[in-house]
C-alpha atoms as a PDB file:
ATOM      1  CA  UNK A   1     186.837 163.405  62.373  1.00  0.00           C
ATOM      2  CA  UNK A   2     187.081 159.761  61.357  1.00  0.00           C
ATOM      3  CA  UNK A   3     186.174 158.481  57.925  1.00  0.00           C
ATOM      4  CA  UNK A   4     183.102 156.312  57.404  1.00  0.00           C
ATOM      5  CA  UNK A   5     183.684 152.553  57.168  1.00  0.00           C
ATOM      6  CA  UNK A   6     182.281 150.731  54.128  1.00  0.00           C
ATOM      7  CA  UNK A   7     181.802 153.839  52.009  1.00  0.00           C
ATOM      8  CA  UNK A   8     182.808 153.393  48.340  1.00  0.00           C
ATOM      9  CA  UNK A   9     182.878 157.102  47.445  1.00  0.00           C
ATOM     10  CA  UNK A  10     185.614 159.603  48.163  1.00  0.00           C
ATOM     11  CA  UNK A  11     186.137 160.952  51.703  1.00  0.00           C
ATOM     12  CA  UNK A  12     188.103 164.163  52.091  1.00  0.00           C
ATOM     13  CA  UNK A  13     189.496 165.265  55.456  1.00  0.00           C
ATOM     14  CA  UNK A  14     190.913 168.742  56.224  1.00  0.00           C
ATOM     15  CA  UNK A  15     194.374 167.133  56.108  1.00  0.00           C
ATOM     16  CA  UNK A  16     193.843 165.848  52.537  1.00  0.00           C
ATOM     17  CA  UNK A  17     195.926 167.516  49.830  1.00  0.00           C
ATOM     18  CA  UNK A  18     192.837 168.350  47.752  1.00  0.00           C
ATOM     19  CA  UNK A  19     190.661 169.535  50.665  1.00  0.00           C
ATOM     20  CA  UNK A  20     190.793 173.243  49.712  1.00  0.00           C
ATOM     21  CA  UNK A  21     189.690 172.424  46.158  1.00  0.00           C
ATOM     22  CA  UNK A  22     186.615 170.482  47.308  1.00  0.00           C
ATOM     23  CA  UNK A  23     185.758 172.793  50.207  1.00  0.00           C
ATOM     24  CA  UNK A  24     185.703 175.885  47.991  1.00  0.00           C
ATOM     25  CA  UNK A  25     182.371 177.258  46.873  1.00  0.00           C
ATOM     26  CA  UNK A  26     180.991 180.549  45.660  1.00  0.00           C
ATOM     27  CA  UNK A  27     180.043 181.846  49.116  1.00  0.00           C
ATOM     28  CA  UNK A  28     183.540 181.372  50.565  1.00  0.00           C
ATOM     29  CA  UNK A  29     184.553 184.661  48.962  1.00  0.00           C
ATOM     30  CA  UNK A  30     182.220 186.546  51.317  1.00  0.00           C
ATOM     31  CA  UNK A  31     181.137 184.156  54.071  1.00  0.00           C
ATOM     32  CA  UNK A  32     184.119 181.882  54.845  1.00  0.00           C
ATOM     33  CA  UNK A  33     184.739 183.159  58.386  1.00  0.00           C
ATOM     34  CA  UNK A  34     181.238 184.081  59.548  1.00  0.00           C
ATOM     35  CA  UNK A  35     179.662 180.835  58.287  1.00  0.00           C
ATOM     36  CA  UNK A  36     182.597 178.473  59.046  1.00  0.00           C
ATOM     37  CA  UNK A  37     182.575 176.683  55.708  1.00  0.00           C
ATOM     38  CA  UNK A  38     185.315 174.197  56.546  1.00  0.00           C
ATOM     39  CA  UNK A  39     183.604 170.824  57.050  1.00  0.00           C
ATOM     40  CA  UNK A  40     185.264 168.164  59.196  1.00  0.00           C
ATOM     41  CA  UNK A  41     184.599 165.638  56.437  1.00  0.00           C
ATOM     42  CA  UNK A  42     183.545 166.017  52.814  1.00  0.00           C
ATOM     43  CA  UNK A  43     181.924 162.898  51.363  1.00  0.00           C
ATOM     44  CA  UNK A  44     181.398 162.364  47.641  1.00  0.00           C
ATOM     45  CA  UNK A  45     179.169 159.280  47.548  1.00  0.00           C
ATOM     46  CA  UNK A  46     179.120 156.937  44.565  1.00  0.00           C
ATOM     47  CA  UNK A  47     175.543 155.801  45.085  1.00  0.00           C
ATOM     48  CA  UNK A  48     172.457 155.778  47.314  1.00  0.00           C
ATOM     49  CA  UNK A  49     173.986 153.137  49.605  1.00  0.00           C
ATOM     50  CA  UNK A  50     176.860 155.515  50.374  1.00  0.00           C
ATOM     51  CA  UNK A  51     174.337 158.243  51.179  1.00  0.00           C
ATOM     52  CA  UNK A  52     172.575 155.898  53.604  1.00  0.00           C
ATOM     53  CA  UNK A  53     175.915 155.135  55.302  1.00  0.00           C
ATOM     54  CA  UNK A  54     176.632 158.858  55.709  1.00  0.00           C
ATOM     55  CA  UNK A  55     173.216 159.482  57.254  1.00  0.00           C
ATOM     56  CA  UNK A  56     173.539 156.512  59.621  1.00  0.00           C
ATOM     57  CA  UNK A  57     177.056 157.608  60.656  1.00  0.00           C
ATOM     58  CA  UNK A  58     175.962 161.212  61.212  1.00  0.00           C
ATOM     59  CA  UNK A  59     173.006 160.104  63.305  1.00  0.00           C
ATOM     60  CA  UNK A  60     175.138 157.763  65.439  1.00  0.00           C
ATOM     61  CA  UNK A  61     177.863 160.385  65.923  1.00  0.00           C
ATOM     62  CA  UNK A  62     175.405 163.286  66.372  1.00  0.00           C
ATOM     63  CA  UNK A  63     176.833 165.159  63.377  1.00  0.00           C
ATOM     64  CA  UNK A  64     174.961 167.570  61.128  1.00  0.00           C
ATOM     65  CA  UNK A  65     174.993 167.117  57.355  1.00  0.00           C
ATOM     66  CA  UNK A  66     175.070 169.943  54.805  1.00  0.00           C
ATOM     67  CA  UNK A  67     174.104 168.825  51.313  1.00  0.00           C
ATOM     68  CA  UNK A  68     175.850 170.250  48.280  1.00  0.00           C
ATOM     69  CA  UNK A  69     174.398 169.612  44.845  1.00  0.00           C
ATOM     70  CA  UNK A  70     175.266 170.716  41.317  1.00  0.00           C
ATOM     71  CA  UNK A  71     174.673 174.397  41.981  1.00  0.00           C
ATOM     72  CA  UNK A  72     175.686 176.835  44.655  1.00  0.00           C
ATOM     73  CA  UNK A  73     174.031 178.620  47.529  1.00  0.00           C
ATOM     74  CA  UNK A  74     174.850 182.313  47.879  1.00  0.00           C
ATOM     75  CA  UNK A  75     175.098 182.357  51.684  1.00  0.00           C
ATOM     76  CA  UNK A  76     177.028 179.102  52.114  1.00  0.00           C
ATOM     77  CA  UNK A  77     174.182 176.946  53.440  1.00  0.00           C
ATOM     78  CA  UNK A  78     175.513 174.027  51.390  1.00  0.00           C
ATOM     79  CA  UNK A  79     178.562 173.846  53.647  1.00  0.00           C
ATOM     80  CA  UNK A  80     179.166 173.354  57.349  1.00  0.00           C
ATOM     81  CA  UNK A  81     181.800 173.643  60.057  1.00  0.00           C
ATOM     82  CA  UNK A  82     184.609 171.425  61.357  1.00  0.00           C
ATOM     83  CA  UNK A  83     182.378 169.268  63.559  1.00  0.00           C
ATOM     84  CA  UNK A  84     180.043 168.247  60.739  1.00  0.00           C
ATOM     85  CA  UNK A  85     179.838 166.602  57.309  1.00  0.00           C
ATOM     86  CA  UNK A  86     179.349 168.021  53.836  1.00  0.00           C
ATOM     87  CA  UNK A  87     177.606 165.526  51.547  1.00  0.00           C
ATOM     88  CA  UNK A  88     178.770 166.544  48.070  1.00  0.00           C
ATOM     89  CA  UNK A  89     176.402 165.146  45.428  1.00  0.00           C
ATOM     90  CA  UNK A  90     177.858 166.980  42.420  1.00  0.00           C
ATOM     91  CA  UNK A  91     179.087 163.771  40.788  1.00  0.00           C
ATOM     92  CA  UNK A  92     176.812 161.161  42.375  1.00  0.00           C
ATOM     93  CA  UNK A  93     173.922 161.257  39.926  1.00  0.00           C
ATOM     94  CA  UNK A  94     175.562 161.903  36.545  1.00  0.00           C
ATOM     95  CA  UNK A  95     174.508 158.772  34.642  1.00  0.00           C
ATOM     96  CA  UNK A  96     172.518 159.050  31.391  1.00  0.00           C
ATOM     97  CA  UNK A  97     169.278 158.270  33.215  1.00  0.00           C
ATOM     98  CA  UNK A  98     169.884 161.229  35.554  1.00  0.00           C
ATOM     99  CA  UNK A  99     169.329 163.807  32.799  1.00  0.00           C
ATOM    100  CA  UNK A 100     166.906 162.919  30.074  1.00  0.00           C
ATOM    101  CA  UNK A 101     164.421 164.469  27.686  1.00  0.00           C
ATOM    102  CA  UNK A 102     161.261 162.697  26.598  1.00  0.00           C
ATOM    103  CA  UNK A 103     157.901 163.402  25.023  1.00  0.00           C
ATOM    104  CA  UNK A 104     154.551 162.052  26.135  1.00  0.00           C
ATOM    105  CA  UNK A 105     151.062 162.885  24.921  1.00  0.00           C
ATOM    106  CA  UNK A 106     152.369 165.737  22.777  1.00  0.00           C
ATOM    107  CA  UNK A 107     154.240 167.391  25.663  1.00  0.00           C
ATOM    108  CA  UNK A 108     157.970 167.650  26.302  1.00  0.00           C
ATOM    109  CA  UNK A 109     159.490 166.658  29.648  1.00  0.00           C
ATOM    110  CA  UNK A 110     162.924 166.817  31.214  1.00  0.00           C
ATOM    111  CA  UNK A 111     164.075 164.716  34.159  1.00  0.00           C
ATOM    112  CA  UNK A 112     167.147 166.043  35.949  1.00  0.00           C
ATOM    113  CA  UNK A 113     168.960 164.891  39.060  1.00  0.00           C
ATOM    114  CA  UNK A 114     170.392 167.189  41.722  1.00  0.00           C
ATOM    115  CA  UNK A 115     173.959 166.647  40.490  1.00  0.00           C
ATOM    116  CA  UNK A 116     173.739 168.893  37.426  1.00  0.00           C
ATOM    117  CA  UNK A 117     174.617 172.585  37.507  1.00  0.00           C
ATOM    118  CA  UNK A 118     172.239 175.093  35.946  1.00  0.00           C
ATOM    119  CA  UNK A 119     174.794 175.638  33.172  1.00  0.00           C
ATOM    120  CA  UNK A 120     174.874 171.918  32.349  1.00  0.00           C
ATOM    121  CA  UNK A 121     171.094 171.771  32.577  1.00  0.00           C
ATOM    122  CA  UNK A 122     170.653 174.753  30.253  1.00  0.00           C
ATOM    123  CA  UNK A 123     173.123 173.300  27.711  1.00  0.00           C
ATOM    124  CA  UNK A 124     171.122 170.058  27.747  1.00  0.00           C
ATOM    125  CA  UNK A 125     167.885 171.987  27.207  1.00  0.00           C
ATOM    126  CA  UNK A 126     169.456 173.827  24.262  1.00  0.00           C
ATOM    127  CA  UNK A 127     170.021 170.507  22.501  1.00  0.00           C
ATOM    128  CA  UNK A 128     166.245 170.025  22.645  1.00  0.00           C
ATOM    129  CA  UNK A 129     165.197 173.524  21.552  1.00  0.00           C
ATOM    130  CA  UNK A 130     164.491 174.858  25.058  1.00  0.00           C
ATOM    131  CA  UNK A 131     166.262 177.147  27.489  1.00  0.00           C
ATOM    132  CA  UNK A 132     166.184 178.373  31.066  1.00  0.00           C
ATOM    133  CA  UNK A 133     166.845 182.088  31.543  1.00  0.00           C
ATOM    134  CA  UNK A 134     169.983 182.123  33.716  1.00  0.00           C
ATOM    135  CA  UNK A 135     169.629 185.921  34.158  1.00  0.00           C
ATOM    136  CA  UNK A 136     166.778 185.014  36.488  1.00  0.00           C
ATOM    137  CA  UNK A 137     169.403 183.790  38.962  1.00  0.00           C
ATOM    138  CA  UNK A 138     171.469 186.957  38.762  1.00  0.00           C
ATOM    139  CA  UNK A 139     168.528 189.304  39.323  1.00  0.00           C
ATOM    140  CA  UNK A 140     167.028 187.430  42.254  1.00  0.00           C
ATOM    141  CA  UNK A 141     167.674 184.694  44.759  1.00  0.00           C
ATOM    142  CA  UNK A 142     165.101 182.569  42.981  1.00  0.00           C
ATOM    143  CA  UNK A 143     167.609 179.939  41.857  1.00  0.00           C
ATOM    144  CA  UNK A 144     168.071 178.863  45.467  1.00  0.00           C
ATOM    145  CA  UNK A 145     164.315 178.402  45.634  1.00  0.00           C
ATOM    146  CA  UNK A 146     164.407 176.534  42.334  1.00  0.00           C
ATOM    147  CA  UNK A 147     167.022 174.145  43.637  1.00  0.00           C
ATOM    148  CA  UNK A 148     164.849 173.501  46.668  1.00  0.00           C
ATOM    149  CA  UNK A 149     161.488 173.079  44.986  1.00  0.00           C
ATOM    150  CA  UNK A 150     162.609 171.724  41.600  1.00  0.00           C
ATOM    151  CA  UNK A 151     160.111 173.968  39.830  1.00  0.00           C
ATOM    152  CA  UNK A 152     161.323 175.283  36.501  1.00  0.00           C
ATOM    153  CA  UNK A 153     159.740 177.418  33.851  1.00  0.00           C
ATOM    154  CA  UNK A 154     161.078 176.420  30.454  1.00  0.00           C
ATOM    155  CA  UNK A 155     160.748 178.333  27.227  1.00  0.00           C
ATOM    156  CA  UNK A 156     160.786 176.875  23.733  1.00  0.00           C
ATOM    157  CA  UNK A 157     163.043 178.644  21.271  1.00  0.00           C
END
């Protein structure tokens, strides 16, 4: 697969020396062969303009896009096969404004982008006297649903 012209972020082909490092994810230990988690191109966009370029390229070339964020997906749905593109957003939205705590009208709020892992998110919450029960993810598949719906239940310490 060709790389995408004009993109400022990193593009990783299967022939790249660091491909295996960036392709790897939790589900590859059980689903590598049956889910074909070896994308033809991994893109790590720097910004929203890069994301738009990836979408336009994929549409023009009739390629599917699998989106990978700060977490993982147990069955490998955040990856794709050799004919398609993995859009890796783990480092795209990591600026200060992408994870912030604020109070308004006597209530506490947290704004978080998709690029933060649950561990990073929970550490951030701890700095503000809150936590997210990570055992919830181990007991159920609810964290996948959380990543999709962005609904969180936070507890004050």
